[in-house]
mmCIF file of all heavy atoms, coordinates in Angstrom:
data_MODEL
# 
_entry.id   MODEL 
# 
loop_
_atom_site.group_PDB 
_atom_site.id 
_atom_site.type_symbol 
_atom_site.label_atom_id 
_atom_site.label_alt_id 
_atom_site.label_comp_id 
_atom_site.label_asym_id 
_atom_site.label_entity_id 
_atom_site.label_seq_id 
_atom_site.pdbx_PDB_ins_code 
_atom_site.Cartn_x 
_atom_site.Cartn_y 
_atom_site.Cartn_z 
_atom_site.occupancy 
_atom_site.B_iso_or_equiv 
_atom_site.pdbx_formal_charge 
_atom_site.auth_seq_id 
_atom_site.auth_comp_id 
_atom_site.auth_asym_id 
_atom_site.auth_atom_id 
_atom_site.pdbx_PDB_model_num 
ATOM 1   N N   . VAL A 1 1  ? -28.928 -115.451 41.033 1.00 0.00 ? 1  VAL A N   1 
ATOM 2   C CA  . VAL A 1 1  ? -30.132 -115.681 41.841 1.00 0.00 ? 1  VAL A CA  1 
ATOM 3   C C   . VAL A 1 1  ? -30.074 -114.857 43.125 1.00 0.00 ? 1  VAL A C   1 
ATOM 4   O O   . VAL A 1 1  ? -31.037 -114.176 43.485 1.00 0.00 ? 1  VAL A O   1 
ATOM 5   C CB  . VAL A 1 1  ? -30.300 -117.189 42.149 1.00 0.00 ? 1  VAL A CB  1 
ATOM 6   C CG1 . VAL A 1 1  ? -31.494 -117.423 43.058 1.00 0.00 ? 1  VAL A CG1 1 
ATOM 7   C CG2 . VAL A 1 1  ? -30.444 -117.980 40.859 1.00 0.00 ? 1  VAL A CG2 1 
ATOM 8   N N   . THR A 1 2  ? -28.954 -114.906 43.829 1.00 0.00 ? 2  THR A N   1 
ATOM 9   C CA  . THR A 1 2  ? -28.857 -114.165 45.084 1.00 0.00 ? 2  THR A CA  1 
ATOM 10  C C   . THR A 1 2  ? -28.895 -112.662 44.841 1.00 0.00 ? 2  THR A C   1 
ATOM 11  O O   . THR A 1 2  ? -29.497 -111.918 45.629 1.00 0.00 ? 2  THR A O   1 
ATOM 12  C CB  . THR A 1 2  ? -27.581 -114.542 45.864 1.00 0.00 ? 2  THR A CB  1 
ATOM 13  O OG1 . THR A 1 2  ? -26.449 -114.311 45.042 1.00 0.00 ? 2  THR A OG1 1 
ATOM 14  C CG2 . THR A 1 2  ? -27.615 -115.984 46.303 1.00 0.00 ? 2  THR A CG2 1 
ATOM 15  N N   . GLY A 1 3  ? -28.288 -112.209 43.753 1.00 0.00 ? 3  GLY A N   1 
ATOM 16  C CA  . GLY A 1 3  ? -28.352 -110.790 43.412 1.00 0.00 ? 3  GLY A CA  1 
ATOM 17  C C   . GLY A 1 3  ? -29.776 -110.346 43.121 1.00 0.00 ? 3  GLY A C   1 
ATOM 18  O O   . GLY A 1 3  ? -30.193 -109.250 43.515 1.00 0.00 ? 3  GLY A O   1 
ATOM 19  N N   . ALA A 1 4  ? -30.539 -111.202 42.435 1.00 0.00 ? 4  ALA A N   1 
ATOM 20  C CA  . ALA A 1 4  ? -31.936 -110.890 42.140 1.00 0.00 ? 4  ALA A CA  1 
ATOM 21  C C   . ALA A 1 4  ? -32.758 -110.814 43.427 1.00 0.00 ? 4  ALA A C   1 
ATOM 22  O O   . ALA A 1 4  ? -33.609 -109.928 43.580 1.00 0.00 ? 4  ALA A O   1 
ATOM 23  C CB  . ALA A 1 4  ? -32.524 -111.928 41.187 1.00 0.00 ? 4  ALA A CB  1 
ATOM 24  N N   . LEU A 1 5  ? -32.498 -111.730 44.352 1.00 0.00 ? 5  LEU A N   1 
ATOM 25  C CA  . LEU A 1 5  ? -33.222 -111.722 45.624 1.00 0.00 ? 5  LEU A CA  1 
ATOM 26  C C   . LEU A 1 5  ? -32.929 -110.434 46.393 1.00 0.00 ? 5  LEU A C   1 
ATOM 27  O O   . LEU A 1 5  ? -33.837 -109.749 46.863 1.00 0.00 ? 5  LEU A O   1 
ATOM 28  C CB  . LEU A 1 5  ? -32.840 -112.939 46.461 1.00 0.00 ? 5  LEU A CB  1 
ATOM 29  C CG  . LEU A 1 5  ? -33.519 -113.051 47.831 1.00 0.00 ? 5  LEU A CG  1 
ATOM 30  C CD1 . LEU A 1 5  ? -35.020 -113.267 47.674 1.00 0.00 ? 5  LEU A CD1 1 
ATOM 31  C CD2 . LEU A 1 5  ? -32.886 -114.200 48.625 1.00 0.00 ? 5  LEU A CD2 1 
ATOM 32  N N   . LYS A 1 6  ? -31.667 -110.090 46.499 1.00 0.00 ? 6  LYS A N   1 
ATOM 33  C CA  . LYS A 1 6  ? -31.282 -108.872 47.215 1.00 0.00 ? 6  LYS A CA  1 
ATOM 34  C C   . LYS A 1 6  ? -31.851 -107.633 46.515 1.00 0.00 ? 6  LYS A C   1 
ATOM 35  O O   . LYS A 1 6  ? -32.361 -106.716 47.170 1.00 0.00 ? 6  LYS A O   1 
ATOM 36  C CB  . LYS A 1 6  ? -29.771 -108.793 47.323 1.00 0.00 ? 6  LYS A CB  1 
ATOM 37  C CG  . LYS A 1 6  ? -29.309 -107.665 48.208 1.00 0.00 ? 6  LYS A CG  1 
ATOM 38  C CD  . LYS A 1 6  ? -27.807 -107.679 48.362 1.00 0.00 ? 6  LYS A CD  1 
ATOM 39  C CE  . LYS A 1 6  ? -27.327 -106.364 48.921 1.00 0.00 ? 6  LYS A CE  1 
ATOM 40  N NZ  . LYS A 1 6  ? -25.927 -106.152 48.774 1.00 0.00 ? 6  LYS A NZ  1 
ATOM 41  N N   . LEU A 1 7  ? -31.791 -107.595 45.196 1.00 0.00 ? 7  LEU A N   1 
ATOM 42  C CA  . LEU A 1 7  ? -32.327 -106.468 44.434 1.00 0.00 ? 7  LEU A CA  1 
ATOM 43  C C   . LEU A 1 7  ? -33.832 -106.333 44.655 1.00 0.00 ? 7  LEU A C   1 
ATOM 44  O O   . LEU A 1 7  ? -34.345 -105.219 44.818 1.00 0.00 ? 7  LEU A O   1 
ATOM 45  C CB  . LEU A 1 7  ? -32.016 -106.630 42.945 1.00 0.00 ? 7  LEU A CB  1 
ATOM 46  C CG  . LEU A 1 7  ? -32.516 -105.514 42.036 1.00 0.00 ? 7  LEU A CG  1 
ATOM 47  C CD1 . LEU A 1 7  ? -31.809 -104.197 42.375 1.00 0.00 ? 7  LEU A CD1 1 
ATOM 48  C CD2 . LEU A 1 7  ? -32.273 -105.892 40.573 1.00 0.00 ? 7  LEU A CD2 1 
ATOM 49  N N   . PHE A 1 8  ? -34.538 -107.461 44.684 1.00 0.00 ? 8  PHE A N   1 
ATOM 50  C CA  . PHE A 1 8  ? -35.983 -107.426 44.933 1.00 0.00 ? 8  PHE A CA  1 
ATOM 51  C C   . PHE A 1 8  ? -36.284 -106.704 46.244 1.00 0.00 ? 8  PHE A C   1 
ATOM 52  O O   . PHE A 1 8  ? -37.111 -105.792 46.294 1.00 0.00 ? 8  PHE A O   1 
ATOM 53  C CB  . PHE A 1 8  ? -36.558 -108.850 44.971 1.00 0.00 ? 8  PHE A CB  1 
ATOM 54  C CG  . PHE A 1 8  ? -37.974 -108.895 45.475 1.00 0.00 ? 8  PHE A CG  1 
ATOM 55  C CD1 . PHE A 1 8  ? -39.034 -108.568 44.640 1.00 0.00 ? 8  PHE A CD1 1 
ATOM 56  C CD2 . PHE A 1 8  ? -38.248 -109.252 46.791 1.00 0.00 ? 8  PHE A CD2 1 
ATOM 57  C CE1 . PHE A 1 8  ? -40.340 -108.587 45.109 1.00 0.00 ? 8  PHE A CE1 1 
ATOM 58  C CE2 . PHE A 1 8  ? -39.549 -109.277 47.263 1.00 0.00 ? 8  PHE A CE2 1 
ATOM 59  C CZ  . PHE A 1 8  ? -40.603 -108.935 46.421 1.00 0.00 ? 8  PHE A CZ  1 
ATOM 60  N N   . PHE A 1 9  ? -35.597 -107.094 47.302 1.00 0.00 ? 9  PHE A N   1 
ATOM 61  C CA  . PHE A 1 9  ? -35.851 -106.478 48.604 1.00 0.00 ? 9  PHE A CA  1 
ATOM 62  C C   . PHE A 1 9  ? -35.379 -105.023 48.644 1.00 0.00 ? 9  PHE A C   1 
ATOM 63  O O   . PHE A 1 9  ? -36.023 -104.180 49.270 1.00 0.00 ? 9  PHE A O   1 
ATOM 64  C CB  . PHE A 1 9  ? -35.209 -107.295 49.730 1.00 0.00 ? 9  PHE A CB  1 
ATOM 65  C CG  . PHE A 1 9  ? -36.001 -108.522 50.056 1.00 0.00 ? 9  PHE A CG  1 
ATOM 66  C CD1 . PHE A 1 9  ? -35.567 -109.774 49.653 1.00 0.00 ? 9  PHE A CD1 1 
ATOM 67  C CD2 . PHE A 1 9  ? -37.198 -108.438 50.750 1.00 0.00 ? 9  PHE A CD2 1 
ATOM 68  C CE1 . PHE A 1 9  ? -36.303 -110.906 49.937 1.00 0.00 ? 9  PHE A CE1 1 
ATOM 69  C CE2 . PHE A 1 9  ? -37.951 -109.565 51.034 1.00 0.00 ? 9  PHE A CE2 1 
ATOM 70  C CZ  . PHE A 1 9  ? -37.502 -110.806 50.630 1.00 0.00 ? 9  PHE A CZ  1 
ATOM 71  N N   . ARG A 1 10 ? -34.297 -104.701 47.972 1.00 0.00 ? 10 ARG A N   1 
ATOM 72  C CA  . ARG A 1 10 ? -33.784 -103.334 47.969 1.00 0.00 ? 10 ARG A CA  1 
ATOM 73  C C   . ARG A 1 10 ? -34.715 -102.395 47.203 1.00 0.00 ? 10 ARG A C   1 
ATOM 74  O O   . ARG A 1 10 ? -34.840 -101.222 47.538 1.00 0.00 ? 10 ARG A O   1 
ATOM 75  C CB  . ARG A 1 10 ? -32.380 -103.290 47.376 1.00 0.00 ? 10 ARG A CB  1 
ATOM 76  C CG  . ARG A 1 10 ? -31.757 -101.910 47.492 1.00 0.00 ? 10 ARG A CG  1 
ATOM 77  C CD  . ARG A 1 10 ? -30.307 -101.828 47.060 1.00 0.00 ? 10 ARG A CD  1 
ATOM 78  N NE  . ARG A 1 10 ? -30.019 -102.503 45.823 1.00 0.00 ? 10 ARG A NE  1 
ATOM 79  C CZ  . ARG A 1 10 ? -29.103 -103.468 45.683 1.00 0.00 ? 10 ARG A CZ  1 
ATOM 80  N NH1 . ARG A 1 10 ? -28.396 -103.865 46.703 1.00 0.00 ? 10 ARG A NH1 1 
ATOM 81  N NH2 . ARG A 1 10 ? -28.903 -104.033 44.511 1.00 0.00 ? 10 ARG A NH2 1 
ATOM 82  N N   . GLU A 1 11 ? -35.381 -102.913 46.166 1.00 0.00 ? 11 GLU A N   1 
ATOM 83  C CA  . GLU A 1 11 ? -36.226 -102.075 45.318 1.00 0.00 ? 11 GLU A CA  1 
ATOM 84  C C   . GLU A 1 11 ? -37.662 -101.928 45.832 1.00 0.00 ? 11 GLU A C   1 
ATOM 85  O O   . GLU A 1 11 ? -38.440 -101.174 45.242 1.00 0.00 ? 11 GLU A O   1 
ATOM 86  C CB  . GLU A 1 11 ? -36.252 -102.640 43.890 1.00 0.00 ? 11 GLU A CB  1 
ATOM 87  C CG  . GLU A 1 11 ? -34.903 -102.580 43.194 1.00 0.00 ? 11 GLU A CG  1 
ATOM 88  C CD  . GLU A 1 11 ? -34.425 -101.159 42.946 1.00 0.00 ? 11 GLU A CD  1 
ATOM 89  O OE1 . GLU A 1 11 ? -35.249 -100.306 42.584 1.00 0.00 ? 11 GLU A OE1 1 
ATOM 90  O OE2 . GLU A 1 11 ? -33.223 -100.906 43.139 1.00 0.00 ? 11 GLU A OE2 1 
ATOM 91  N N   . LEU A 1 12 ? -38.009 -102.617 46.911 1.00 0.00 ? 12 LEU A N   1 
ATOM 92  C CA  . LEU A 1 12 ? -39.353 -102.441 47.464 1.00 0.00 ? 12 LEU A CA  1 
ATOM 93  C C   . LEU A 1 12 ? -39.557 -100.987 47.877 1.00 0.00 ? 12 LEU A C   1 
ATOM 94  O O   . LEU A 1 12 ? -38.629 -100.356 48.387 1.00 0.00 ? 12 LEU A O   1 
ATOM 95  C CB  . LEU A 1 12 ? -39.556 -103.351 48.682 1.00 0.00 ? 12 LEU A CB  1 
ATOM 96  C CG  . LEU A 1 12 ? -39.665 -104.848 48.434 1.00 0.00 ? 12 LEU A CG  1 
ATOM 97  C CD1 . LEU A 1 12 ? -39.677 -105.609 49.764 1.00 0.00 ? 12 LEU A CD1 1 
ATOM 98  C CD2 . LEU A 1 12 ? -40.917 -105.164 47.621 1.00 0.00 ? 12 LEU A CD2 1 
ATOM 99  N N   . PRO A 1 13 ? -40.750 -100.437 47.686 1.00 0.00 ? 13 PRO A N   1 
ATOM 100 C CA  . PRO A 1 13 ? -40.992 -99.050  48.085 1.00 0.00 ? 13 PRO A CA  1 
ATOM 101 C C   . PRO A 1 13 ? -40.759 -98.833  49.590 1.00 0.00 ? 13 PRO A C   1 
ATOM 102 O O   . PRO A 1 13 ? -40.312 -97.776  50.000 1.00 0.00 ? 13 PRO A O   1 
ATOM 103 C CB  . PRO A 1 13 ? -42.455 -98.801  47.736 1.00 0.00 ? 13 PRO A CB  1 
ATOM 104 C CG  . PRO A 1 13 ? -42.889 -99.948  46.907 1.00 0.00 ? 13 PRO A CG  1 
ATOM 105 C CD  . PRO A 1 13 ? -41.904 -101.062 47.068 1.00 0.00 ? 13 PRO A CD  1 
ATOM 106 N N   . GLU A 1 14 ? -41.064 -99.841  50.369 1.00 0.00 ? 14 GLU A N   1 
ATOM 107 C CA  . GLU A 1 14 ? -40.783 -99.808  51.797 1.00 0.00 ? 14 GLU A CA  1 
ATOM 108 C C   . GLU A 1 14 ? -40.068 -101.114 52.127 1.00 0.00 ? 14 GLU A C   1 
ATOM 109 O O   . GLU A 1 14 ? -40.441 -102.170 51.636 1.00 0.00 ? 14 GLU A O   1 
ATOM 110 C CB  . GLU A 1 14 ? -42.080 -99.701  52.602 1.00 0.00 ? 14 GLU A CB  1 
ATOM 111 C CG  . GLU A 1 14 ? -41.847 -99.549  54.084 1.00 0.00 ? 14 GLU A CG  1 
ATOM 112 C CD  . GLU A 1 14 ? -43.077 -99.074  54.834 1.00 0.00 ? 14 GLU A CD  1 
ATOM 113 O OE1 . GLU A 1 14 ? -44.160 -99.649  54.615 1.00 0.00 ? 14 GLU A OE1 1 
ATOM 114 O OE2 . GLU A 1 14 ? -42.935 -98.140  55.625 1.00 0.00 ? 14 GLU A OE2 1 
ATOM 115 N N   . PRO A 1 15 ? -39.022 -101.050 52.953 1.00 0.00 ? 15 PRO A N   1 
ATOM 116 C CA  . PRO A 1 15 ? -38.266 -102.281 53.237 1.00 0.00 ? 15 PRO A CA  1 
ATOM 117 C C   . PRO A 1 15 ? -39.085 -103.323 53.995 1.00 0.00 ? 15 PRO A C   1 
ATOM 118 O O   . PRO A 1 15 ? -40.188 -103.041 54.475 1.00 0.00 ? 15 PRO A O   1 
ATOM 119 C CB  . PRO A 1 15 ? -37.085 -101.791 54.080 1.00 0.00 ? 15 PRO A CB  1 
ATOM 120 C CG  . PRO A 1 15 ? -37.425 -100.435 54.541 1.00 0.00 ? 15 PRO A CG  1 
ATOM 121 C CD  . PRO A 1 15 ? -38.486 -99.891  53.642 1.00 0.00 ? 15 PRO A CD  1 
ATOM 122 N N   . LEU A 1 16 ? -38.543 -104.515 54.089 1.00 0.00 ? 16 LEU A N   1 
ATOM 123 C CA  . LEU A 1 16 ? -39.213 -105.596 54.816 1.00 0.00 ? 16 LEU A CA  1 
ATOM 124 C C   . LEU A 1 16 ? -39.540 -105.155 56.239 1.00 0.00 ? 16 LEU A C   1 
ATOM 125 O O   . LEU A 1 16 ? -40.618 -105.440 56.748 1.00 0.00 ? 16 LEU A O   1 
ATOM 126 C CB  . LEU A 1 16 ? -38.348 -106.855 54.817 1.00 0.00 ? 16 LEU A CB  1 
ATOM 127 C CG  . LEU A 1 16 ? -39.010 -108.109 55.365 1.00 0.00 ? 16 LEU A CG  1 
ATOM 128 C CD1 . LEU A 1 16 ? -40.257 -108.481 54.562 1.00 0.00 ? 16 LEU A CD1 1 
ATOM 129 C CD2 . LEU A 1 16 ? -38.025 -109.269 55.367 1.00 0.00 ? 16 LEU A CD2 1 
ATOM 130 N N   . VAL A 1 17 ? -38.612 -104.470 56.898 1.00 0.00 ? 17 VAL A N   1 
ATOM 131 C CA  . VAL A 1 17 ? -38.912 -103.834 58.181 1.00 0.00 ? 17 VAL A CA  1 
ATOM 132 C C   . VAL A 1 17 ? -39.364 -102.420 57.828 1.00 0.00 ? 17 VAL A C   1 
ATOM 133 O O   . VAL A 1 17 ? -38.562 -101.598 57.387 1.00 0.00 ? 17 VAL A O   1 
ATOM 134 C CB  . VAL A 1 17 ? -37.669 -103.800 59.103 1.00 0.00 ? 17 VAL A CB  1 
ATOM 135 C CG1 . VAL A 1 17 ? -37.961 -102.985 60.354 1.00 0.00 ? 17 VAL A CG1 1 
ATOM 136 C CG2 . VAL A 1 17 ? -37.242 -105.215 59.473 1.00 0.00 ? 17 VAL A CG2 1 
ATOM 137 N N   . PRO A 1 18 ? -40.664 -102.138 57.997 1.00 0.00 ? 18 PRO A N   1 
ATOM 138 C CA  . PRO A 1 18 ? -41.186 -100.835 57.575 1.00 0.00 ? 18 PRO A CA  1 
ATOM 139 C C   . PRO A 1 18 ? -40.440 -99.669  58.239 1.00 0.00 ? 18 PRO A C   1 
ATOM 140 O O   . PRO A 1 18 ? -39.922 -99.783  59.346 1.00 0.00 ? 18 PRO A O   1 
ATOM 141 C CB  . PRO A 1 18 ? -42.647 -100.874 58.036 1.00 0.00 ? 18 PRO A CB  1 
ATOM 142 C CG  . PRO A 1 18 ? -42.982 -102.326 58.122 1.00 0.00 ? 18 PRO A CG  1 
ATOM 143 C CD  . PRO A 1 18 ? -41.700 -103.004 58.547 1.00 0.00 ? 18 PRO A CD  1 
ATOM 144 N N   . PHE A 1 19 ? -40.420 -98.540  57.535 1.00 0.00 ? 19 PHE A N   1 
ATOM 145 C CA  . PHE A 1 19 ? -39.714 -97.364  58.039 1.00 0.00 ? 19 PHE A CA  1 
ATOM 146 C C   . PHE A 1 19 ? -40.128 -97.019  59.466 1.00 0.00 ? 19 PHE A C   1 
ATOM 147 O O   . PHE A 1 19 ? -39.288 -96.641  60.280 1.00 0.00 ? 19 PHE A O   1 
ATOM 148 C CB  . PHE A 1 19 ? -39.958 -96.148  57.126 1.00 0.00 ? 19 PHE A CB  1 
ATOM 149 C CG  . PHE A 1 19 ? -39.378 -96.298  55.751 1.00 0.00 ? 19 PHE A CG  1 
ATOM 150 C CD1 . PHE A 1 19 ? -40.170 -96.117  54.630 1.00 0.00 ? 19 PHE A CD1 1 
ATOM 151 C CD2 . PHE A 1 19 ? -38.030 -96.599  55.567 1.00 0.00 ? 19 PHE A CD2 1 
ATOM 152 C CE1 . PHE A 1 19 ? -39.636 -96.231  53.350 1.00 0.00 ? 19 PHE A CE1 1 
ATOM 153 C CE2 . PHE A 1 19 ? -37.482 -96.714  54.294 1.00 0.00 ? 19 PHE A CE2 1 
ATOM 154 C CZ  . PHE A 1 19 ? -38.296 -96.531  53.190 1.00 0.00 ? 19 PHE A CZ  1 
ATOM 155 N N   . GLY A 1 20 ? -41.412 -97.142  59.759 1.00 0.00 ? 20 GLY A N   1 
ATOM 156 C CA  . GLY A 1 20 ? -41.911 -96.796  61.088 1.00 0.00 ? 20 GLY A CA  1 
ATOM 157 C C   . GLY A 1 20 ? -41.385 -97.704  62.194 1.00 0.00 ? 20 GLY A C   1 
ATOM 158 O O   . GLY A 1 20 ? -41.492 -97.360  63.379 1.00 0.00 ? 20 GLY A O   1 
ATOM 159 N N   . HIS A 1 21 ? -40.827 -98.841  61.833 1.00 0.00 ? 21 HIS A N   1 
ATOM 160 C CA  . HIS A 1 21 ? -40.276 -99.777  62.824 1.00 0.00 ? 21 HIS A CA  1 
ATOM 161 C C   . HIS A 1 21 ? -38.755 -99.662  62.978 1.00 0.00 ? 21 HIS A C   1 
ATOM 162 O O   . HIS A 1 21 ? -38.180 -100.253 63.883 1.00 0.00 ? 21 HIS A O   1 
ATOM 163 C CB  . HIS A 1 21 ? -40.614 -101.224 62.428 1.00 0.00 ? 21 HIS A CB  1 
ATOM 164 C CG  . HIS A 1 21 ? -42.021 -101.618 62.699 1.00 0.00 ? 21 HIS A CG  1 
ATOM 165 N ND1 . HIS A 1 21 ? -43.088 -101.138 61.974 1.00 0.00 ? 21 HIS A ND1 1 
ATOM 166 C CD2 . HIS A 1 21 ? -42.543 -102.453 63.626 1.00 0.00 ? 21 HIS A CD2 1 
ATOM 167 C CE1 . HIS A 1 21 ? -44.196 -101.671 62.430 1.00 0.00 ? 21 HIS A CE1 1 
ATOM 168 N NE2 . HIS A 1 21 ? -43.895 -102.469 63.441 1.00 0.00 ? 21 HIS A NE2 1 
ATOM 169 N N   . PHE A 1 22 ? -38.119 -98.908  62.080 1.00 0.00 ? 22 PHE A N   1 
ATOM 170 C CA  . PHE A 1 22 ? -36.657 -98.861  62.060 1.00 0.00 ? 22 PHE A CA  1 
ATOM 171 C C   . PHE A 1 22 ? -36.073 -98.449  63.412 1.00 0.00 ? 22 PHE A C   1 
ATOM 172 O O   . PHE A 1 22 ? -35.253 -99.171  63.988 1.00 0.00 ? 22 PHE A O   1 
ATOM 173 C CB  . PHE A 1 22 ? -36.156 -97.910  60.963 1.00 0.00 ? 22 PHE A CB  1 
ATOM 174 C CG  . PHE A 1 22 ? -34.664 -97.787  60.912 1.00 0.00 ? 22 PHE A CG  1 
ATOM 175 C CD1 . PHE A 1 22 ? -33.895 -98.747  60.270 1.00 0.00 ? 22 PHE A CD1 1 
ATOM 176 C CD2 . PHE A 1 22 ? -34.013 -96.717  61.520 1.00 0.00 ? 22 PHE A CD2 1 
ATOM 177 C CE1 . PHE A 1 22 ? -32.509 -98.649  60.227 1.00 0.00 ? 22 PHE A CE1 1 
ATOM 178 C CE2 . PHE A 1 22 ? -32.633 -96.606  61.487 1.00 0.00 ? 22 PHE A CE2 1 
ATOM 179 C CZ  . PHE A 1 22 ? -31.883 -97.572  60.842 1.00 0.00 ? 22 PHE A CZ  1 
ATOM 180 N N   . ASP A 1 23 ? -36.495 -97.305  63.926 1.00 0.00 ? 23 ASP A N   1 
ATOM 181 C CA  . ASP A 1 23 ? -35.933 -96.806  65.184 1.00 0.00 ? 23 ASP A CA  1 
ATOM 182 C C   . ASP A 1 23 ? -36.215 -97.757  66.346 1.00 0.00 ? 23 ASP A C   1 
ATOM 183 O O   . ASP A 1 23 ? -35.395 -97.884  67.256 1.00 0.00 ? 23 ASP A O   1 
ATOM 184 C CB  . ASP A 1 23 ? -36.470 -95.409  65.501 1.00 0.00 ? 23 ASP A CB  1 
ATOM 185 C CG  . ASP A 1 23 ? -35.913 -94.342  64.563 1.00 0.00 ? 23 ASP A CG  1 
ATOM 186 O OD1 . ASP A 1 23 ? -34.782 -94.527  64.050 1.00 0.00 ? 23 ASP A OD1 1 
ATOM 187 O OD2 . ASP A 1 23 ? -36.612 -93.327  64.341 1.00 0.00 ? 23 ASP A OD2 1 
ATOM 188 N N   . LYS A 1 24 ? -37.359 -98.422  66.308 1.00 0.00 ? 24 LYS A N   1 
ATOM 189 C CA  . LYS A 1 24 ? -37.701 -99.367  67.380 1.00 0.00 ? 24 LYS A CA  1 
ATOM 190 C C   . LYS A 1 24 ? -36.751 -100.569 67.380 1.00 0.00 ? 24 LYS A C   1 
ATOM 191 O O   . LYS A 1 24 ? -36.312 -101.023 68.431 1.00 0.00 ? 24 LYS A O   1 
ATOM 192 C CB  . LYS A 1 24 ? -39.148 -99.839  67.232 1.00 0.00 ? 24 LYS A CB  1 
ATOM 193 C CG  . LYS A 1 24 ? -40.175 -98.731  67.378 1.00 0.00 ? 24 LYS A CG  1 
ATOM 194 C CD  . LYS A 1 24 ? -41.564 -99.238  67.036 1.00 0.00 ? 24 LYS A CD  1 
ATOM 195 C CE  . LYS A 1 24 ? -42.543 -98.082  66.973 1.00 0.00 ? 24 LYS A CE  1 
ATOM 196 N NZ  . LYS A 1 24 ? -43.852 -98.491  66.470 1.00 0.00 ? 24 LYS A NZ  1 
# 
């Protein structure tokens, strides 16, 4: 279950924190 949750977030086209927010 935890592996599936982590995989879901890792496979998103853009992470939960969008790329444009990373440096901020």
